[in-house]
C-alpha atoms as a PDB file:
ATOM      1  CA  MET A   1     -10.504 -17.770   6.135  1.00  0.00           C
ATOM      2  CA  SER A   2      -8.185 -15.242   7.746  1.00  0.00           C
ATOM      3  CA  LYS A   3      -7.397 -11.958   6.046  1.00  0.00           C
ATOM      4  CA  LEU A   4      -3.838 -10.833   5.438  1.00  0.00           C
ATOM      5  CA  THR A   5      -2.039  -7.644   4.522  1.00  0.00           C
ATOM      6  CA  LEU A   6       0.874  -8.183   2.160  1.00  0.00           C
ATOM      7  CA  GLN A   7       3.834  -6.048   3.184  1.00  0.00           C
ATOM      8  CA  VAL A   8       6.809  -5.607   0.850  1.00  0.00           C
ATOM      9  CA  ARG A   9       9.977  -3.531   1.144  1.00  0.00           C
ATOM     10  CA  THR A  10      11.269  -1.654  -1.886  1.00  0.00           C
ATOM     11  CA  ASN A  11      13.999   0.698  -3.058  1.00  0.00           C
ATOM     12  CA  ASN A  12      11.662   2.034  -5.760  1.00  0.00           C
ATOM     13  CA  ASN A  13      10.187   5.532  -5.652  1.00  0.00           C
ATOM     14  CA  LEU A  14       6.833   5.335  -3.844  1.00  0.00           C
ATOM     15  CA  LEU A  15       5.330   8.203  -5.866  1.00  0.00           C
ATOM     16  CA  GLU A  16       6.064   6.349  -9.112  1.00  0.00           C
ATOM     17  CA  LEU A  17       4.572   3.122  -7.748  1.00  0.00           C
ATOM     18  CA  LEU A  18       1.518   5.015  -6.532  1.00  0.00           C
ATOM     19  CA  SER A  19       0.976   6.562  -9.963  1.00  0.00           C
ATOM     20  CA  LYS A  20       1.196   3.102 -11.613  1.00  0.00           C
ATOM     21  CA  GLU A  21      -0.890   1.478  -8.869  1.00  0.00           C
ATOM     22  CA  SER A  22       1.494  -1.460  -8.931  1.00  0.00           C
ATOM     23  CA  SER A  23       4.663  -2.907  -7.509  1.00  0.00           C
ATOM     24  CA  GLY A  24       6.410  -6.030  -8.661  1.00  0.00           C
ATOM     25  CA  ASN A  25       7.925  -8.639  -9.120  1.00  0.00           C
ATOM     26  CA  TRP A  26       7.506 -10.327  -5.751  1.00  0.00           C
ATOM     27  CA  VAL A  27       7.726 -13.966  -4.749  1.00  0.00           C
ATOM     28  CA  ILE A  28       4.340 -14.467  -3.110  1.00  0.00           C
ATOM     29  CA  ALA A  29       3.034 -17.741  -1.680  1.00  0.00           C
ATOM     30  CA  LYS A  30       0.230 -18.847  -4.000  1.00  0.00           C
ATOM     31  CA  ASP A  31      -1.661 -20.422  -1.116  1.00  0.00           C
ATOM     32  CA  LYS A  32      -1.961 -16.988   0.531  1.00  0.00           C
ATOM     33  CA  ILE A  33      -3.280 -15.024  -2.486  1.00  0.00           C
ATOM     34  CA  GLN A  34      -6.948 -15.579  -1.628  1.00  0.00           C
ATOM     35  CA  GLN A  35      -6.374 -14.299   1.924  1.00  0.00           C
ATOM     36  CA  ILE A  36      -4.638 -11.048   0.949  1.00  0.00           C
ATOM     37  CA  THR A  37      -6.974  -8.045   1.167  1.00  0.00           C
ATOM     38  CA  HIS A  38      -4.574  -5.098   1.526  1.00  0.00           C
ATOM     39  CA  ILE A  39      -1.005  -4.154   0.620  1.00  0.00           C
ATOM     40  CA  GLN A  40       1.709  -2.076   2.216  1.00  0.00           C
ATOM     41  CA  VAL A  41       4.679  -1.108   0.057  1.00  0.00           C
ATOM     42  CA  VAL A  42       7.311   0.180   2.485  1.00  0.00           C
ATOM     43  CA  ASN A  43      10.305   2.267   1.456  1.00  0.00           C
ATOM     44  CA  PHE A  44      13.686   0.749   2.288  1.00  0.00           C
ATOM     45  CA  GLU A  45      14.212   3.043   5.266  1.00  0.00           C
ATOM     46  CA  GLY A  46      10.843   2.034   6.754  1.00  0.00           C
ATOM     47  CA  THR A  47       9.712   5.666   7.096  1.00  0.00           C
ATOM     48  CA  GLN A  48       6.934   5.782   4.470  1.00  0.00           C
ATOM     49  CA  MET A  49       4.585   3.306   2.871  1.00  0.00           C
ATOM     50  CA  ILE A  50       1.854   2.997   0.303  1.00  0.00           C
ATOM     51  CA  LYS A  51      -1.310   1.516   1.820  1.00  0.00           C
ATOM     52  CA  GLY A  52      -3.904   0.179  -0.561  1.00  0.00           C
ATOM     53  CA  ILE A  53      -6.469  -2.469  -1.369  1.00  0.00           C
ATOM     54  CA  PHE A  54      -5.020  -5.551  -3.069  1.00  0.00           C
ATOM     55  CA  ASP A  55      -6.409  -5.887  -6.609  1.00  0.00           C
ATOM     56  CA  ARG A  56      -6.310  -9.652  -6.969  1.00  0.00           C
ATOM     57  CA  ASN A  57      -7.920  -9.660 -10.419  1.00  0.00           C
ATOM     58  CA  ALA A  58      -5.382  -7.274 -11.974  1.00  0.00           C
ATOM     59  CA  SER A  59      -2.292  -8.735 -10.260  1.00  0.00           C
ATOM     60  CA  GLN A  60      -0.400 -11.142 -12.508  1.00  0.00           C
ATOM     61  CA  TYR A  61       2.340 -13.725 -12.217  1.00  0.00           C
ATOM     62  CA  VAL A  62       5.196 -13.095 -14.647  1.00  0.00           C
ATOM     63  CA  ASP A  63       7.097 -16.374 -14.368  1.00  0.00           C
ATOM     64  CA  ASP A  64       4.833 -18.608 -12.277  1.00  0.00           C
ATOM     65  CA  LYS A  65       6.559 -17.392  -9.086  1.00  0.00           C
ATOM     66  CA  ARG A  66       6.842 -13.606  -9.211  1.00  0.00           C
ATOM     67  CA  LEU A  67       3.708 -11.517  -8.807  1.00  0.00           C
ATOM     68  CA  ILE A  68       3.202  -7.978 -10.047  1.00  0.00           C
ATOM     69  CA  ILE A  69       1.078  -6.532  -7.255  1.00  0.00           C
ATOM     70  CA  LYS A  70      -1.730  -4.220  -8.358  1.00  0.00           C
ATOM     71  CA  PHE A  71      -3.631  -2.130  -5.856  1.00  0.00           C
ATOM     72  CA  LEU A  72      -6.527   0.326  -5.568  1.00  0.00           C
ATOM     73  CA  ASP A  73      -7.104   3.400  -3.398  1.00  0.00           C
ATOM     74  CA  GLY A  74      -3.419   3.738  -2.531  1.00  0.00           C
ATOM     75  CA  CYS A  75      -2.011   6.556  -0.430  1.00  0.00           C
ATOM     76  CA  ILE A  76       1.396   7.307   1.033  1.00  0.00           C
ATOM     77  CA  ILE A  77       1.643   7.617   4.798  1.00  0.00           C
ATOM     78  CA  ASN A  78       4.493   8.094   7.246  1.00  0.00           C
ATOM     79  CA  CYS A  79       5.369   5.032   9.312  1.00  0.00           C
ATOM     80  CA  ASN A  80       8.043   3.360  11.387  1.00  0.00           C
ATOM     81  CA  VAL A  81       8.493  -0.201  10.075  1.00  0.00           C
ATOM     82  CA  GLU A  82      11.506  -2.393  10.767  1.00  0.00           C
ATOM     83  CA  PHE A  83      12.454  -5.371   8.627  1.00  0.00           C
ATOM     84  CA  ASN A  84      14.547  -8.040  10.298  1.00  0.00           C
ATOM     85  CA  GLY A  85      16.609 -10.194   7.962  1.00  0.00           C
ATOM     86  CA  GLN A  86      16.783 -10.177   4.199  1.00  0.00           C
ATOM     87  CA  ASN A  87      13.251 -11.222   3.190  1.00  0.00           C
ATOM     88  CA  PRO A  88      11.444  -8.187   1.706  1.00  0.00           C
ATOM     89  CA  VAL A  89       8.021  -9.908   1.789  1.00  0.00           C
ATOM     90  CA  ARG A  90       5.854 -10.697   4.777  1.00  0.00           C
ATOM     91  CA  TYR A  91       2.220 -11.149   5.715  1.00  0.00           C
ATOM     92  CA  VAL A  92       0.779  -9.147   8.599  1.00  0.00           C
END
């Protein structure tokens, strides 16, 4: 089974997300959940991100489609990430 990093793009304040150790509500493919090992929550500008370990056991679906992503050992780092198109969710 291949391992994936879930990358999402957000307008939310990264410091607030880091303090809550969560980000949500994201439409995540259920067939990929078991492959996700890490998360990257990227600010809208693509200049900073939270990197962390995906906490599969604490993450919860809120309406059978949207997942509240929980993570462990998160930290904010500088980056240069470009998103093409409108989809704020991808697997890398």
